[in-house]
C-alpha atoms as a PDB file:
ATOM      1  CA  MET A   1       0.000   0.000   0.000  1.00  0.00           C
ATOM      2  CA  VAL A   2       1.347   3.412  -0.992  1.00  0.00           C
ATOM      3  CA  ALA A   3       2.051   5.784   1.913  1.00  0.00           C
ATOM      4  CA  ASN A   4      -0.146   8.860   2.310  1.00  0.00           C
ATOM      5  CA  ILE A   5       2.055  11.937   2.667  1.00  0.00           C
ATOM      6  CA  ARG A   6       0.614  14.936   4.532  1.00  0.00           C
ATOM      7  CA  ARG A   7       1.408  18.213   2.786  1.00  0.00           C
ATOM      8  CA  VAL A   8       0.910  21.673   4.301  1.00  0.00           C
ATOM      9  CA  VAL A   9       1.192  24.603   1.878  1.00  0.00           C
ATOM     10  CA  THR A  10       1.407  28.221   2.999  1.00  0.00           C
ATOM     11  CA  GLY A  11       0.656  31.391   1.089  1.00  0.00           C
ATOM     12  CA  HIS A  12      -0.730  34.894   1.522  1.00  0.00           C
ATOM     13  CA  ASN A  13      -4.252  36.261   1.906  1.00  0.00           C
ATOM     14  CA  GLU A  14      -5.566  39.387   0.193  1.00  0.00           C
ATOM     15  CA  ALA A  15      -4.105  41.532   2.988  1.00  0.00           C
ATOM     16  CA  GLY A  16      -0.658  40.011   2.412  1.00  0.00           C
ATOM     17  CA  GLN A  17      -0.684  38.015   5.656  1.00  0.00           C
ATOM     18  CA  SER A  18       0.658  34.485   5.835  1.00  0.00           C
ATOM     19  CA  VAL A  19      -1.973  31.741   5.804  1.00  0.00           C
ATOM     20  CA  ILE A  20      -2.263  28.006   5.399  1.00  0.00           C
ATOM     21  CA  LEU A  21      -3.611  27.363   1.903  1.00  0.00           C
ATOM     22  CA  SER A  22      -3.944  23.600   2.235  1.00  0.00           C
ATOM     23  CA  ASP A  23      -3.362  20.845   4.776  1.00  0.00           C
ATOM     24  CA  GLY A  24      -4.000  17.256   3.792  1.00  0.00           C
ATOM     25  CA  ASP A  25      -2.739  14.275   1.872  1.00  0.00           C
ATOM     26  CA  ALA A  26      -0.697  15.173  -1.194  1.00  0.00           C
ATOM     27  CA  GLY A  27      -2.825  14.603  -4.270  1.00  0.00           C
ATOM     28  CA  ALA A  28      -0.209  14.218  -7.011  1.00  0.00           C
ATOM     29  CA  VAL A  29       0.500  10.507  -6.572  1.00  0.00           C
ATOM     30  CA  LYS A  30       1.518   8.116  -9.342  1.00  0.00           C
ATOM     31  CA  GLU A  31       1.787   4.414  -8.559  1.00  0.00           C
ATOM     32  CA  MET A  32       3.311   2.495 -11.440  1.00  0.00           C
ATOM     33  CA  ASP A  33       0.746   0.111 -12.937  1.00  0.00           C
ATOM     34  CA  SER A  34       3.535  -2.137 -14.183  1.00  0.00           C
ATOM     35  CA  MET A  35       5.314  -2.048 -10.820  1.00  0.00           C
ATOM     36  CA  PRO A  36       2.808  -1.987  -7.912  1.00  0.00           C
ATOM     37  CA  GLY A  37       4.200  -0.346  -4.802  1.00  0.00           C
ATOM     38  CA  LEU A  38       6.565   1.969  -6.688  1.00  0.00           C
ATOM     39  CA  ALA A  39       5.031   5.398  -6.245  1.00  0.00           C
ATOM     40  CA  LEU A  40       5.961   9.042  -6.817  1.00  0.00           C
ATOM     41  CA  THR A  41       4.236  11.613  -4.604  1.00  0.00           C
ATOM     42  CA  ASP A  42       4.925  15.110  -5.870  1.00  0.00           C
ATOM     43  CA  LEU A  43       4.802  17.752  -3.158  1.00  0.00           C
ATOM     44  CA  TRP A  44       5.754  20.875  -5.128  1.00  0.00           C
ATOM     45  CA  GLU A  45       7.148  21.987  -8.474  1.00  0.00           C
ATOM     46  CA  THR A  46       8.788  25.188  -9.647  1.00  0.00           C
ATOM     47  CA  ASP A  47       9.224  26.224 -13.255  1.00  0.00           C
ATOM     48  CA  GLY A  48      12.127  28.642 -12.960  1.00  0.00           C
ATOM     49  CA  ALA A  49      14.562  30.453 -10.718  1.00  0.00           C
ATOM     50  CA  PRO A  50      13.987  32.504  -8.792  1.00  0.00           C
ATOM     51  CA  ALA A  51      10.744  30.666  -7.989  1.00  0.00           C
ATOM     52  CA  SER A  52       7.510  32.585  -7.628  1.00  0.00           C
ATOM     53  CA  ASN A  53       5.614  32.549  -4.321  1.00  0.00           C
ATOM     54  CA  GLU A  54       2.664  34.454  -5.761  1.00  0.00           C
ATOM     55  CA  GLY A  55      -0.838  33.072  -6.118  1.00  0.00           C
ATOM     56  CA  SER A  56      -2.577  30.136  -4.520  1.00  0.00           C
ATOM     57  CA  GLN A  57      -2.583  27.546  -7.309  1.00  0.00           C
ATOM     58  CA  ASP A  58      -1.343  24.054  -6.460  1.00  0.00           C
ATOM     59  CA  ALA A  59       1.923  23.638  -8.375  1.00  0.00           C
ATOM     60  CA  THR A  60       1.385  19.867  -8.534  1.00  0.00           C
ATOM     61  CA  ASP A  61      -2.021  20.045 -10.196  1.00  0.00           C
ATOM     62  CA  ARG A  62      -0.715  18.282 -13.303  1.00  0.00           C
ATOM     63  CA  PRO A  63       0.281  14.744 -14.341  1.00  0.00           C
ATOM     64  CA  VAL A  64       3.222  13.248 -12.432  1.00  0.00           C
ATOM     65  CA  VAL A  65       6.359  13.088 -14.588  1.00  0.00           C
ATOM     66  CA  LEU A  66       9.894  11.971 -13.762  1.00  0.00           C
ATOM     67  CA  GLU A  67      11.823  15.149 -14.553  1.00  0.00           C
ATOM     68  CA  PRO A  68      11.243  18.797 -13.630  1.00  0.00           C
ATOM     69  CA  PRO A  69      10.529  21.450 -16.263  1.00  0.00           C
ATOM     70  CA  LEU A  70      13.360  23.391 -17.894  1.00  0.00           C
ATOM     71  CA  ASN A  71      15.071  25.469 -15.162  1.00  0.00           C
ATOM     72  CA  GLY A  72      12.637  24.036 -12.603  1.00  0.00           C
ATOM     73  CA  THR A  73      12.503  21.693  -9.643  1.00  0.00           C
ATOM     74  CA  ILE A  74      10.332  18.917  -8.238  1.00  0.00           C
ATOM     75  CA  PHE A  75      10.104  18.000  -4.549  1.00  0.00           C
ATOM     76  CA  ARG A  76       8.775  14.474  -4.122  1.00  0.00           C
ATOM     77  CA  ILE A  77       8.637  11.385  -1.974  1.00  0.00           C
ATOM     78  CA  VAL A  78       9.419   8.119  -3.744  1.00  0.00           C
ATOM     79  CA  GLU A  79       8.244   4.835  -2.283  1.00  0.00           C
ATOM     80  CA  PHE A  80      10.223   1.828  -3.462  1.00  0.00           C
ATOM     81  CA  PRO A  81       8.778  -1.635  -2.785  1.00  0.00           C
ATOM     82  CA  PRO A  82      10.988  -4.605  -1.934  1.00  0.00           C
ATOM     83  CA  ASP A  83      12.603  -6.144  -5.022  1.00  0.00           C
ATOM     84  CA  SER A  84      10.934  -9.456  -4.135  1.00  0.00           C
ATOM     85  CA  THR A  85       7.496  -7.982  -4.949  1.00  0.00           C
ATOM     86  CA  TRP A  86       8.287  -6.954  -8.524  1.00  0.00           C
ATOM     87  CA  LYS A  87      11.642  -8.193  -9.872  1.00  0.00           C
ATOM     88  CA  GLY A  88      11.082 -10.313 -12.963  1.00  0.00           C
ATOM     89  CA  ASP A  89       7.433  -9.284 -13.346  1.00  0.00           C
ATOM     90  CA  ALA A  90       7.658  -5.549 -14.017  1.00  0.00           C
ATOM     91  CA  ASP A  91       7.790  -3.806 -17.368  1.00  0.00           C
ATOM     92  CA  ALA A  92      10.422  -1.092 -16.861  1.00  0.00           C
ATOM     93  CA  SER A  93       9.790   0.447 -20.271  1.00  0.00           C
ATOM     94  CA  GLU A  94       6.093   0.841 -19.484  1.00  0.00           C
ATOM     95  CA  ALA A  95       6.932   2.318 -16.067  1.00  0.00           C
ATOM     96  CA  PHE A  96       9.238   4.978 -17.534  1.00  0.00           C
ATOM     97  CA  ASP A  97       6.789   5.738 -20.366  1.00  0.00           C
ATOM     98  CA  SER A  98       3.982   6.279 -17.823  1.00  0.00           C
ATOM     99  CA  ILE A  99       5.909   9.192 -16.291  1.00  0.00           C
ATOM    100  CA  GLY A 100       7.054  10.753 -19.560  1.00  0.00           C
ATOM    101  CA  ALA A 101      10.553   9.341 -19.294  1.00  0.00           C
ATOM    102  CA  GLY A 102      10.905   6.678 -21.967  1.00  0.00           C
ATOM    103  CA  HIS A 103      14.050   8.531 -23.086  1.00  0.00           C
ATOM    104  CA  ALA A 104      15.721   8.019 -19.682  1.00  0.00           C
ATOM    105  CA  SER A 105      16.055   4.212 -19.838  1.00  0.00           C
ATOM    106  CA  ASP A 106      19.462   2.703 -20.515  1.00  0.00           C
ATOM    107  CA  LEU A 107      18.576   0.038 -23.075  1.00  0.00           C
ATOM    108  CA  ASN A 108      22.165  -1.290 -23.043  1.00  0.00           C
ATOM    109  CA  SER A 109      22.082  -2.246 -19.358  1.00  0.00           C
ATOM    110  CA  ASP A 110      21.171  -5.659 -17.941  1.00  0.00           C
ATOM    111  CA  ASP A 111      19.291  -3.756 -15.205  1.00  0.00           C
ATOM    112  CA  PRO A 112      15.882  -2.807 -16.664  1.00  0.00           C
ATOM    113  CA  MET A 113      15.555   0.082 -14.179  1.00  0.00           C
ATOM    114  CA  MET A 114      18.923   1.675 -15.047  1.00  0.00           C
ATOM    115  CA  HIS A 115      18.247   5.236 -16.204  1.00  0.00           C
ATOM    116  CA  LYS A 116      19.706   8.725 -16.504  1.00  0.00           C
ATOM    117  CA  THR A 117      18.031  12.089 -16.079  1.00  0.00           C
ATOM    118  CA  SER A 118      19.190  15.625 -16.798  1.00  0.00           C
ATOM    119  CA  THR A 119      18.978  16.570 -13.130  1.00  0.00           C
ATOM    120  CA  VAL A 120      20.881  17.100  -9.922  1.00  0.00           C
ATOM    121  CA  ASP A 121      18.978  15.147  -7.256  1.00  0.00           C
ATOM    122  CA  TYR A 122      19.214  15.724  -3.510  1.00  0.00           C
ATOM    123  CA  LEU A 123      18.060  12.455  -1.929  1.00  0.00           C
ATOM    124  CA  VAL A 124      17.399  11.669   1.752  1.00  0.00           C
ATOM    125  CA  VAL A 125      16.319   8.251   3.012  1.00  0.00           C
ATOM    126  CA  ILE A 126      13.372   8.647   5.392  1.00  0.00           C
ATOM    127  CA  LYS A 127      12.495   5.014   6.088  1.00  0.00           C
ATOM    128  CA  GLY A 128      13.929   1.613   5.191  1.00  0.00           C
ATOM    129  CA  GLU A 129      17.072   1.106   3.180  1.00  0.00           C
ATOM    130  CA  ILE A 130      17.909   1.175  -0.506  1.00  0.00           C
ATOM    131  CA  TRP A 131      20.885   0.328  -2.676  1.00  0.00           C
ATOM    132  CA  ALA A 132      21.969   2.972  -5.178  1.00  0.00           C
ATOM    133  CA  ILE A 133      23.415   1.118  -8.163  1.00  0.00           C
ATOM    134  CA  LEU A 134      25.771   2.818 -10.617  1.00  0.00           C
ATOM    135  CA  GLU A 135      27.587   1.464 -13.644  1.00  0.00           C
ATOM    136  CA  GLU A 136      30.621   0.898 -11.423  1.00  0.00           C
ATOM    137  CA  GLY A 137      29.738   0.316  -7.801  1.00  0.00           C
ATOM    138  CA  GLU A 138      26.813   0.450  -5.443  1.00  0.00           C
ATOM    139  CA  VAL A 139      26.123   1.755  -1.943  1.00  0.00           C
ATOM    140  CA  CYS A 140      23.481   1.013   0.698  1.00  0.00           C
ATOM    141  CA  LEU A 141      21.647   4.078   2.008  1.00  0.00           C
ATOM    142  CA  ARG A 142      19.805   4.049   5.357  1.00  0.00           C
ATOM    143  CA  PRO A 143      17.532   6.524   7.188  1.00  0.00           C
ATOM    144  CA  GLY A 144      19.183   9.916   7.416  1.00  0.00           C
ATOM    145  CA  ASP A 145      21.712   9.169   4.671  1.00  0.00           C
ATOM    146  CA  VAL A 146      21.972  11.704   1.849  1.00  0.00           C
ATOM    147  CA  MET A 147      22.990  11.137  -1.759  1.00  0.00           C
ATOM    148  CA  ILE A 148      23.659  13.780  -4.387  1.00  0.00           C
ATOM    149  CA  GLN A 149      22.886  12.196  -7.762  1.00  0.00           C
ATOM    150  CA  ARG A 150      24.473  14.281 -10.542  1.00  0.00           C
ATOM    151  CA  GLY A 151      23.051  13.160 -13.873  1.00  0.00           C
ATOM    152  CA  THR A 152      24.541   9.691 -13.604  1.00  0.00           C
ATOM    153  CA  ASN A 153      23.218   6.426 -14.945  1.00  0.00           C
ATOM    154  CA  HIS A 154      21.645   4.768 -11.898  1.00  0.00           C
ATOM    155  CA  SER A 155      19.135   2.274 -10.567  1.00  0.00           C
ATOM    156  CA  TRP A 156      17.650   1.357  -7.179  1.00  0.00           C
ATOM    157  CA  SER A 157      17.268  -1.894  -5.266  1.00  0.00           C
ATOM    158  CA  VAL A 158      15.384  -2.640  -2.033  1.00  0.00           C
ATOM    159  CA  ARG A 159      16.872  -5.921  -0.855  1.00  0.00           C
ATOM    160  CA  SER A 160      14.976  -6.115   2.449  1.00  0.00           C
ATOM    161  CA  GLU A 161      11.263  -6.862   2.859  1.00  0.00           C
ATOM    162  CA  GLU A 162      10.439  -3.303   4.017  1.00  0.00           C
ATOM    163  CA  PRO A 163       9.584  -0.548   1.509  1.00  0.00           C
ATOM    164  CA  CYS A 164      11.913   2.447   1.355  1.00  0.00           C
ATOM    165  CA  LEU A 165      10.707   6.063   1.511  1.00  0.00           C
ATOM    166  CA  LEU A 166      13.066   8.535  -0.107  1.00  0.00           C
ATOM    167  CA  ALA A 167      12.681  12.339  -0.162  1.00  0.00           C
ATOM    168  CA  ALA A 168      13.998  13.835  -3.390  1.00  0.00           C
ATOM    169  CA  VAL A 169      14.525  17.303  -4.779  1.00  0.00           C
ATOM    170  CA  LEU A 170      15.122  17.108  -8.540  1.00  0.00           C
ATOM    171  CA  ILE A 171      16.712  20.156 -10.157  1.00  0.00           C
ATOM    172  CA  ASN A 172      16.861  20.572 -13.911  1.00  0.00           C
ATOM    173  CA  ALA A 173      20.483  20.392 -15.117  1.00  0.00           C
ATOM    174  CA  ARG A 174      22.402  20.429 -18.369  1.00  0.00           C
ATOM    175  CA  PRO A 175      22.678  16.914 -19.808  1.00  0.00           C
ATOM    176  CA  ILE A 176      26.049  15.181 -19.694  1.00  0.00           C
END
């Protein structure tokens, strides 16, 4: 079951005072049909820098996609299920296509989830553990660990029986 993530968004009223615009479960959630339990929960998106704090529109009121817009960012929670629940049964190509990222897959890799994005990603493990897999080497990340992913070819593996929750800030970057 995909975790519900509470999201509180602040803003300004007509008098310019700070207010809470929304407080509830994040609504921009995409669970992969071809990979049940793998879910992206988008909490906020910006479309440029400096970001605008004007208005009251929900910046995640759009389809969930893997990468942020040009010069933008995405703040999300990713829930990764244990490998044992999907390995061998999932269609990685379909999963990437469903989030507008068919171009990100590394079709030359033996790992069907190996992919590369034009982003700098700030990643923090919230719960569980996950293996970050690169073309040369891998590392196990545990709660509180931070990884800076810099446009590298990478994949993920949850080798325990507990899902992993990962907070991620994706920042648009020049492709390598």
